[in-house]
Amino acid sequence: MKSNKKNNLNLADVAKMSRMPAFATLVKPIGSACNLDCHYCYYRDKSEIYAGKMPCMSEELLETYIQQYIQGATQQKVTFCWHGGEPLMAGLPFFRKAMGLQQKYRGDKEIENTIQTNGILINSEWCALFRDNNFLVGISLDGPEDIHDAFRKDCGGAPTFARVMRAVEMMAQSGVEYNILSTVNARSVGRGAEVYKFNCSLGHYMQFLPVVEYVRMRGEGKRPLIVSPDEEDAVEAPWSVTAKGYGNFMCDVFDEWIKFDVGNYFVQLFDVTLANWCGVPPPLCAFCETCGDGLVVEHNGDVYSCDHFVYPEYLLGNIKENTLQELYCSEAQQAFGRDKREALPMECKRCNYYFLCRGECPKHRFDFAKNGEPYKNVLCEGYKMFFRHTDPYMRYMRTLIEKGEPASLVMQWKK
């Protein structure tokens, strides 16, 4: 999504440009290589950019990355987010080396580690590494068995639910901190309360991410290629969720949460929405006015603007030639971040819910406004449904917080 509109600077943009950089990175030590073949994976096909080759990041490049990130980002707490593909395929020795390098370069900074994994490779040794280094592990689990196994197959086409559940059990027994990331896809529709209750039986922190993808078919027996909806012959993927389907799903989850679980179970979208109601910067870039603070570092040191925009036109450079700080401060990256605001149609900016959604993620902006302007979010109807449904409860929780009282008192008010 590149805006054709004039990229205007406001006071917040100028302030951001004038202060020292505080940025995040999402690092892909094994690129898009994975031991699963999930139908809806938007990253699996990125290997085509690299002629199908995705070797593990070298130890020399790993050290360059860790040094540049710790020394280049000015925040006191530096969070390493290991991603993929499947990052555990880099192996235990790789991550042990990484932990040592973080200590070597940390100085007086606090280091955090998060990792997103499908869980297939998790064993007692991985659990020990996660626990001993205070990792927050994101485990991909789409809900009950029939929902999870619908689209999350291994490379041989076999189901994965039982193996992921074993990984969750091992982490729970080992004292590893984890949260559950569930996609909301065509199989999930109408089952929000069921999926939420299932996730609550496993952990207290969860995310529900909508899946909306377009594909180009490549012939019988070949994996459909996930492509931009603007591409010729692109069709909506059969696993995609509709805007109404996603809205209903999240409303159903909220109805369970608001009755029993406020303050005990945590759903990312609810936290983000309440933050925007309270005028606090939300902890998720998709719901901020601008973006661009999260760089992606590939296995070979290439740096891209965003995890969802790993395309040649969004390549910023390589850490072997320019530092992460230089690439983050580049005009190309700063313009990318401002485009999130500038590209939106006026219909969105005048919407009563703009302060809550900010157009959501640019990866979903392939609908059109009523006057024909591009870059409207295809999930708009669903988000409006959710924001309308939760409006009175969010207002009440904001009032409670302003009084210094716990937001969980909303449950008594609800009753």
Protein backbone atom coordinates (compact mmCIF):
# COMPACT_ATOMS: atom_id res chain seq x y z
CA MET A 1 0.00 0.00 0.00
CA LYS A 2 1.73 3.13 -1.21
CA SER A 3 -0.31 6.30 -1.10
CA ASN A 4 -0.53 8.60 -4.09
CA LYS A 5 -1.65 11.38 -1.77
CA LYS A 6 0.68 14.09 -0.57
CA ASN A 7 2.56 12.78 2.43
CA ASN A 8 1.88 15.57 4.94
CA LEU A 9 3.75 15.95 8.19
CA ASN A 10 1.93 16.83 11.39
CA LEU A 11 3.36 17.80 14.78
CA ALA A 12 3.50 14.16 15.92
CA ASP A 13 5.51 13.25 12.81
CA VAL A 14 7.97 16.09 13.40
CA ALA A 15 8.34 15.15 17.06
CA LYS A 16 9.02 11.53 16.10
CA MET A 17 11.65 12.56 13.57
CA SER A 18 13.40 14.86 16.05
CA ARG A 19 13.86 12.38 18.86
CA MET A 20 16.28 9.49 19.05
CA PRO A 21 14.93 6.31 17.45
CA ALA A 22 13.04 3.74 19.49
CA PHE A 23 12.15 0.91 17.15
CA ALA A 24 11.40 -2.80 17.23
CA THR A 25 12.51 -5.70 15.07
CA LEU A 26 10.98 -8.97 14.00
CA VAL A 27 13.83 -11.30 13.09
CA LYS A 28 13.51 -14.34 10.81
CA PRO A 29 16.58 -16.50 11.53
CA ILE A 30 15.40 -19.25 9.19
CA GLY A 31 13.45 -17.01 6.81
CA SER A 32 10.18 -18.55 5.68
CA ALA A 33 11.36 -22.16 6.12
CA CYS A 34 8.82 -24.18 8.09
CA ASN A 35 7.99 -27.73 9.08
CA LEU A 36 4.27 -27.07 8.52
CA ASP A 37 2.31 -26.20 5.42
CA CYS A 38 -0.55 -24.11 6.82
CA HIS A 39 -2.93 -23.18 4.03
CA TYR A 40 -3.27 -19.55 5.03
CA CYS A 41 0.41 -18.78 5.78
CA TYR A 42 1.28 -15.43 4.22
CA TYR A 43 5.02 -15.99 4.71
CA ARG A 44 5.59 -19.49 3.35
CA ASP A 45 6.08 -18.30 -0.24
CA LYS A 46 8.63 -15.57 0.60
CA SER A 47 11.38 -18.05 -0.29
CA GLU A 48 10.62 -17.23 -3.92
CA ILE A 49 12.25 -13.83 -3.36
CA TYR A 50 15.46 -15.74 -2.54
CA ALA A 51 15.28 -18.33 -5.33
CA GLY A 52 13.80 -20.89 -2.95
CA LYS A 53 16.81 -20.84 -0.61
CA MET A 54 16.35 -20.09 3.07
CA PRO A 55 19.53 -21.02 4.96
CA CYS A 56 19.84 -20.30 8.67
CA MET A 57 21.28 -16.92 9.66
CA SER A 58 25.04 -17.21 10.18
CA GLU A 59 26.57 -16.65 13.62
CA GLU A 60 28.51 -13.66 12.24
CA LEU A 61 25.32 -12.05 10.96
CA LEU A 62 23.50 -12.92 14.18
CA GLU A 63 26.12 -10.99 16.15
CA THR A 64 25.88 -8.02 13.78
CA TYR A 65 22.11 -7.96 14.17
CA ILE A 66 22.13 -8.22 17.98
CA GLN A 67 24.79 -5.55 18.38
CA GLN A 68 23.08 -3.14 15.99
CA TYR A 69 19.66 -3.61 17.54
CA ILE A 70 20.74 -3.16 21.16
CA GLN A 71 22.97 -0.19 20.41
CA GLY A 72 20.73 1.42 17.77
CA ALA A 73 17.36 1.44 19.54
CA THR A 74 17.27 3.96 22.37
CA GLN A 75 14.58 2.39 24.55
CA GLN A 76 15.81 0.95 27.85
CA LYS A 77 13.95 -2.31 27.31
CA VAL A 78 14.94 -4.03 24.06
CA THR A 79 12.62 -6.82 22.93
CA PHE A 80 13.82 -9.48 20.51
CA CYS A 81 10.95 -11.06 18.61
CA TRP A 82 11.97 -14.31 16.90
CA HIS A 83 9.67 -15.24 14.06
CA GLY A 84 9.41 -17.25 10.87
CA GLY A 85 8.59 -19.53 9.16
CA GLU A 86 9.35 -21.70 12.13
CA PRO A 87 12.20 -20.11 14.13
CA LEU A 88 12.88 -23.22 16.23
CA MET A 89 14.29 -24.81 13.07
CA ALA A 90 17.37 -22.65 13.67
CA GLY A 91 18.18 -25.05 16.51
CA LEU A 92 19.04 -24.86 20.20
CA PRO A 93 22.75 -24.04 19.65
CA PHE A 94 21.72 -20.99 17.57
CA PHE A 95 19.50 -19.62 20.33
CA ARG A 96 22.03 -20.36 23.05
CA LYS A 97 24.54 -18.37 21.02
CA ALA A 98 22.00 -15.57 20.68
CA MET A 99 21.43 -15.45 24.44
CA GLY A 100 25.17 -15.11 25.01
CA LEU A 101 25.48 -12.32 22.45
CA GLN A 102 22.63 -10.42 24.07
CA GLN A 103 24.51 -10.47 27.36
CA LYS A 104 27.70 -9.38 25.60
CA TYR A 105 26.14 -6.24 24.14
CA ARG A 106 23.33 -5.41 26.58
CA GLY A 107 25.22 -2.77 28.57
CA ASP A 108 22.74 -1.35 31.08
CA LYS A 109 19.69 -2.24 28.98
CA GLU A 110 17.00 -4.75 29.85
CA ILE A 111 16.61 -7.57 27.33
CA GLU A 112 13.37 -9.39 26.57
CA ASN A 113 12.74 -12.29 24.21
CA THR A 114 9.53 -13.36 22.54
CA ILE A 115 9.11 -16.09 19.98
CA GLN A 116 6.23 -17.22 17.77
CA THR A 117 6.18 -20.96 17.10
CA ASN A 118 3.88 -23.68 15.83
CA GLY A 119 5.09 -25.79 18.77
CA ILE A 120 5.93 -28.95 16.83
CA LEU A 121 9.60 -29.00 17.87
CA ILE A 122 9.12 -28.04 21.51
CA ASN A 123 10.62 -30.52 23.97
CA SER A 124 12.08 -30.38 27.48
CA GLU A 125 15.30 -28.72 26.26
CA TRP A 126 13.39 -25.95 24.51
CA CYS A 127 11.24 -25.46 27.59
CA ALA A 128 14.36 -25.10 29.74
CA LEU A 129 15.80 -22.47 27.39
CA PHE A 130 12.52 -20.53 27.36
CA ARG A 131 12.12 -20.68 31.13
CA ASP A 132 15.72 -19.89 31.99
CA ASN A 133 15.80 -16.88 29.65
CA ASN A 134 12.32 -15.57 30.47
CA PHE A 135 10.93 -16.02 26.97
CA LEU A 136 7.32 -15.18 26.21
CA VAL A 137 6.25 -17.88 23.77
CA GLY A 138 3.44 -17.31 21.31
CA ILE A 139 1.95 -20.67 20.37
CA SER A 140 -0.19 -20.95 17.24
CA LEU A 141 -3.40 -22.84 18.03
CA ASP A 142 -6.64 -22.10 16.20
CA GLY A 143 -9.02 -23.64 18.74
CA PRO A 144 -10.62 -27.09 19.08
CA GLU A 145 -9.26 -29.94 17.00
CA ASP A 146 -11.54 -29.71 13.97
CA ILE A 147 -10.91 -25.96 13.60
CA HIS A 148 -7.16 -26.18 14.14
CA ASP A 149 -6.60 -29.13 11.82
CA ALA A 150 -8.69 -27.67 9.01
CA PHE A 151 -5.82 -25.50 7.77
CA ARG A 152 -2.80 -26.28 9.96
CA LYS A 153 -1.26 -29.39 8.38
CA ASP A 154 2.32 -30.58 8.34
CA CYS A 155 4.29 -30.87 5.11
CA GLY A 156 2.94 -34.36 4.58
CA GLY A 157 -0.67 -33.23 4.98
CA ALA A 158 -1.08 -34.75 8.45
CA PRO A 159 -2.98 -32.97 11.26
CA THR A 160 -1.03 -31.17 13.98
CA PHE A 161 -3.47 -30.54 16.83
CA ALA A 162 -2.29 -33.34 19.13
CA ARG A 163 1.36 -32.31 18.78
CA VAL A 164 0.61 -28.67 19.55
CA MET A 165 -1.40 -29.65 22.61
CA ARG A 166 1.56 -31.68 23.88
CA ALA A 167 3.75 -28.59 23.48
CA VAL A 168 1.28 -26.47 25.48
CA GLU A 169 1.20 -29.09 28.22
CA MET A 170 5.01 -29.24 28.39
CA MET A 171 5.30 -25.45 28.64
CA ALA A 172 2.66 -25.27 31.36
CA GLN A 173 4.39 -27.99 33.38
CA SER A 174 7.81 -26.35 32.90
CA GLY A 175 6.74 -22.88 34.00
CA VAL A 176 7.17 -21.29 30.56
CA GLU A 177 5.17 -18.11 29.99
CA TYR A 178 3.09 -18.38 26.83
CA ASN A 179 0.09 -16.94 25.06
CA ILE A 180 -2.17 -18.42 22.42
CA LEU A 181 -2.46 -16.97 18.94
CA SER A 182 -5.57 -18.10 17.07
CA THR A 183 -6.47 -17.12 13.56
CA VAL A 184 -10.11 -16.38 12.81
CA ASN A 185 -10.81 -18.07 9.51
CA ALA A 186 -13.71 -19.53 7.56
CA ARG A 187 -13.84 -22.59 9.84
CA SER A 188 -14.02 -20.42 12.99
CA VAL A 189 -17.09 -18.42 11.93
CA GLY A 190 -19.99 -18.71 14.37
CA ARG A 191 -17.87 -20.40 17.03
CA GLY A 192 -16.33 -17.47 18.89
CA ALA A 193 -17.59 -18.40 22.35
CA GLU A 194 -16.50 -22.01 21.86
CA VAL A 195 -12.99 -21.09 20.74
CA TYR A 196 -12.62 -18.57 23.56
CA LYS A 197 -13.65 -21.08 26.24
CA PHE A 198 -11.28 -23.65 24.77
CA ASN A 199 -8.39 -21.17 24.85
CA CYS A 200 -9.26 -20.20 28.43
CA SER A 201 -8.80 -23.83 29.43
CA LEU A 202 -5.17 -23.57 28.29
CA GLY A 203 -4.00 -20.08 29.24
CA HIS A 204 -4.88 -16.54 30.26
CA TYR A 205 -3.52 -14.55 27.30
CA MET A 206 -4.78 -14.82 23.74
CA GLN A 207 -4.92 -13.11 20.36
CA PHE A 208 -7.48 -13.55 17.60
CA LEU A 209 -6.14 -12.54 14.20
CA PRO A 210 -8.42 -12.34 11.13
CA VAL A 211 -7.31 -14.25 8.04
CA VAL A 212 -8.09 -12.45 4.78
CA GLU A 213 -5.96 -13.56 1.86
CA TYR A 214 -6.04 -13.67 -1.92
CA VAL A 215 -4.42 -16.42 -3.94
CA ARG A 216 -3.43 -17.33 -7.48
CA MET A 217 -4.03 -20.95 -8.34
CA ARG A 218 -1.00 -22.81 -9.71
CA GLY A 219 -2.49 -26.03 -11.00
CA GLU A 220 -3.62 -29.30 -9.48
CA GLY A 221 -1.49 -30.56 -6.61
CA LYS A 222 0.34 -27.25 -6.15
CA ARG A 223 -0.03 -24.92 -3.20
CA PRO A 224 -1.98 -21.75 -4.14
CA LEU A 225 0.29 -18.72 -4.11
CA ILE A 226 -0.81 -15.97 -1.72
CA VAL A 227 -0.72 -12.71 -3.69
CA SER A 228 -1.92 -9.11 -3.58
CA PRO A 229 -5.65 -8.76 -4.36
CA ASP A 230 -4.62 -6.33 -7.12
CA GLU A 231 -2.76 -9.05 -8.98
CA GLU A 232 -4.28 -10.45 -12.15
CA ASP A 233 -6.17 -13.73 -11.61
CA ALA A 234 -6.21 -13.21 -7.83
CA VAL A 235 -9.20 -14.76 -6.06
CA GLU A 236 -10.23 -14.67 -2.43
CA ALA A 237 -8.84 -17.65 -0.57
CA PRO A 238 -11.47 -20.15 0.62
CA TRP A 239 -10.16 -19.97 4.18
CA SER A 240 -10.69 -16.19 4.47
CA VAL A 241 -13.11 -14.79 7.03
CA THR A 242 -15.69 -12.19 6.02
CA ALA A 243 -15.94 -8.84 7.77
CA LYS A 244 -19.30 -9.82 9.27
CA GLY A 245 -17.95 -13.23 10.28
CA TYR A 246 -15.01 -11.65 12.12
CA GLY A 247 -17.20 -9.03 13.78
CA ASN A 248 -19.66 -11.63 15.06
CA PHE A 249 -16.81 -13.85 16.26
CA MET A 250 -15.23 -11.08 18.33
CA CYS A 251 -18.59 -9.93 19.72
CA ASP A 252 -19.27 -13.49 20.89
CA VAL A 253 -15.85 -13.68 22.54
CA PHE A 254 -16.43 -10.33 24.23
CA ASP A 255 -19.82 -11.41 25.58
CA GLU A 256 -18.16 -14.31 27.41
CA TRP A 257 -15.26 -12.21 28.65
CA ILE A 258 -17.31 -9.28 29.95
CA LYS A 259 -19.49 -11.56 32.10
CA PHE A 260 -16.82 -13.56 33.87
CA ASP A 261 -13.21 -12.84 32.95
CA VAL A 262 -12.25 -9.14 33.03
CA GLY A 263 -8.92 -8.82 34.82
CA ASN A 264 -8.28 -12.57 34.75
CA TYR A 265 -8.16 -13.40 31.05
CA PHE A 266 -6.69 -11.05 28.45
CA VAL A 267 -7.63 -10.68 24.80
CA GLN A 268 -5.38 -8.46 22.71
CA LEU A 269 -8.14 -6.68 20.76
CA PHE A 270 -9.94 -5.79 23.99
CA ASP A 271 -6.75 -4.37 25.53
CA VAL A 272 -6.04 -2.35 22.38
CA THR A 273 -9.58 -0.99 22.16
CA LEU A 274 -9.63 0.06 25.81
CA ALA A 275 -6.25 1.75 25.39
CA ASN A 276 -7.62 3.87 22.56
CA TRP A 277 -10.72 4.70 24.59
CA CYS A 278 -8.42 5.91 27.37
CA GLY A 279 -6.20 7.92 25.02
CA VAL A 280 -3.21 5.67 25.72
CA PRO A 281 -0.96 4.56 22.84
CA PRO A 282 -2.20 1.05 21.97
CA PRO A 283 0.28 -1.83 22.22
CA LEU A 284 -0.35 -2.93 18.62
CA CYS A 285 0.76 -1.02 15.53
CA ALA A 286 -2.35 -1.92 13.51
CA PHE A 287 -4.42 0.36 15.75
CA CYS A 288 -2.01 3.30 15.84
CA GLU A 289 -2.40 6.29 13.53
CA THR A 290 0.96 5.65 11.88
CA CYS A 291 3.21 2.59 11.78
CA GLY A 292 6.69 1.68 10.59
CA ASP A 293 8.33 1.14 13.97
CA GLY A 294 8.71 -2.61 13.49
CA LEU A 295 11.42 -3.62 11.03
CA VAL A 296 11.75 -7.14 9.66
CA VAL A 297 15.24 -8.65 9.53
CA GLU A 298 15.53 -11.61 7.18
CA HIS A 299 17.91 -14.58 7.43
CA ASN A 300 20.51 -12.87 5.19
CA GLY A 301 20.34 -9.44 6.83
CA ASP A 302 17.84 -7.87 4.44
CA VAL A 303 15.55 -5.39 6.19
CA TYR A 304 11.95 -4.75 5.16
CA SER A 305 9.39 -2.19 6.26
CA CYS A 306 6.97 -4.66 7.85
CA ASP A 307 6.29 -8.37 8.28
CA HIS A 308 3.28 -8.09 5.98
CA PHE A 309 5.17 -6.15 3.32
CA VAL A 310 8.13 -8.39 2.58
CA TYR A 311 8.17 -7.60 -1.12
CA PRO A 312 11.07 -6.26 -3.21
CA GLU A 313 9.56 -2.77 -3.34
CA TYR A 314 9.66 -2.54 0.47
CA LEU A 315 13.29 -3.65 0.86
CA LEU A 316 15.13 -0.95 2.84
CA GLY A 317 18.63 -2.40 2.66
CA ASN A 318 20.87 -4.87 4.44
CA ILE A 319 22.50 -4.67 7.89
CA LYS A 320 25.84 -5.63 6.35
CA GLU A 321 25.80 -2.29 4.51
CA ASN A 322 23.67 0.00 6.69
CA THR A 323 22.82 -0.16 10.38
CA LEU A 324 19.33 -0.88 11.63
CA GLN A 325 19.15 2.63 13.01
CA GLU A 326 20.03 4.12 9.62
CA LEU A 327 17.42 1.99 7.86
CA TYR A 328 14.75 2.85 10.40
CA CYS A 329 15.48 6.58 10.11
CA SER A 330 15.47 6.47 6.30
CA GLU A 331 12.89 8.58 4.50
CA ALA A 332 11.54 5.44 2.81
CA GLN A 333 10.66 3.87 6.18
CA GLN A 334 9.29 7.05 7.70
CA ALA A 335 7.12 7.61 4.63
CA PHE A 336 5.91 4.01 4.88
CA GLY A 337 4.78 4.71 8.43
CA ARG A 338 2.97 7.93 7.51
CA ASP A 339 1.24 6.24 4.57
CA LYS A 340 -0.88 4.32 7.07
CA ARG A 341 -2.62 7.61 7.87
CA GLU A 342 -2.31 9.46 4.59
CA ALA A 343 -3.60 6.68 2.34
CA LEU A 344 -6.92 6.32 4.12
CA PRO A 345 -10.01 7.61 2.31
CA MET A 346 -11.73 10.62 3.84
CA GLU A 347 -14.72 8.42 4.70
CA CYS A 348 -12.51 6.59 7.21
CA LYS A 349 -11.02 9.72 8.75
CA ARG A 350 -14.51 11.12 9.35
CA CYS A 351 -15.80 7.88 10.86
CA ASN A 352 -16.92 7.93 14.52
CA TYR A 353 -14.71 4.91 15.14
CA TYR A 354 -11.55 6.21 13.53
CA PHE A 355 -10.01 6.90 16.95
CA LEU A 356 -10.39 3.19 17.74
CA CYS A 357 -9.30 1.48 14.53
CA ARG A 358 -7.09 4.04 12.69
CA GLY A 359 -7.87 2.06 9.55
CA GLU A 360 -6.37 -1.09 11.14
CA CYS A 361 -3.50 -2.78 9.28
CA PRO A 362 -2.64 -1.63 5.74
CA LYS A 363 -2.44 -5.31 4.71
CA HIS A 364 -6.27 -5.38 4.81
CA ARG A 365 -6.88 -2.18 2.88
CA PHE A 366 -8.10 -3.35 -0.49
CA ASP A 367 -11.73 -2.20 -0.36
CA PHE A 368 -13.13 1.08 -1.69
CA ALA A 369 -14.96 3.94 0.00
CA LYS A 370 -18.44 4.95 -1.18
CA ASN A 371 -16.96 7.67 -3.40
CA GLY A 372 -14.52 5.21 -4.98
CA GLU A 373 -11.41 6.16 -2.98
CA PRO A 374 -9.10 3.16 -2.48
CA TYR A 375 -7.46 1.72 0.64
CA LYS A 376 -10.54 1.20 2.80
CA ASN A 377 -10.18 -1.75 5.17
CA VAL A 378 -12.00 -4.83 3.92
CA LEU A 379 -12.87 -5.73 7.53
CA CYS A 380 -14.47 -2.33 8.24
CA GLU A 381 -18.00 -3.67 8.70
CA GLY A 382 -16.80 -6.23 11.23
CA TYR A 383 -14.80 -3.72 13.26
CA LYS A 384 -17.73 -1.29 13.35
CA MET A 385 -19.93 -4.12 14.59
CA PHE A 386 -17.43 -4.88 17.37
CA PHE A 387 -16.94 -1.23 18.36
CA ARG A 388 -20.70 -0.59 18.52
CA HIS A 389 -21.27 -3.73 20.55
CA THR A 390 -18.56 -2.96 23.11
CA ASP A 391 -19.11 0.82 23.29
CA PRO A 392 -21.02 1.04 26.62
CA TYR A 393 -18.68 -1.37 28.39
CA MET A 394 -15.54 0.37 27.15
CA ARG A 395 -16.92 3.73 28.29
CA TYR A 396 -17.68 2.33 31.72
CA MET A 397 -14.25 0.72 32.08
CA ARG A 398 -12.65 4.02 31.09
CA THR A 399 -14.64 5.75 33.85
CA LEU A 400 -13.53 3.13 36.37
CA ILE A 401 -9.88 3.54 35.38
CA GLU A 402 -10.13 7.35 35.61
CA LYS A 403 -11.44 6.93 39.18
CA GLY A 404 -8.53 4.65 40.03
CA GLU A 405 -10.80 1.62 40.33
CA PRO A 406 -10.26 -1.78 38.68
CA ALA A 407 -11.82 -2.28 35.26
CA SER A 408 -13.09 -5.66 36.47
CA LEU A 409 -15.92 -3.87 38.31
CA VAL A 410 -17.60 -3.66 34.91
CA MET A 411 -18.72 -7.25 35.49
CA GLN A 412 -20.92 -6.15 38.41
CA TRP A 413 -22.29 -3.31 36.29
CA LYS A 414 -23.00 -5.77 33.48
CA LYS A 415 -25.03 -7.96 35.85
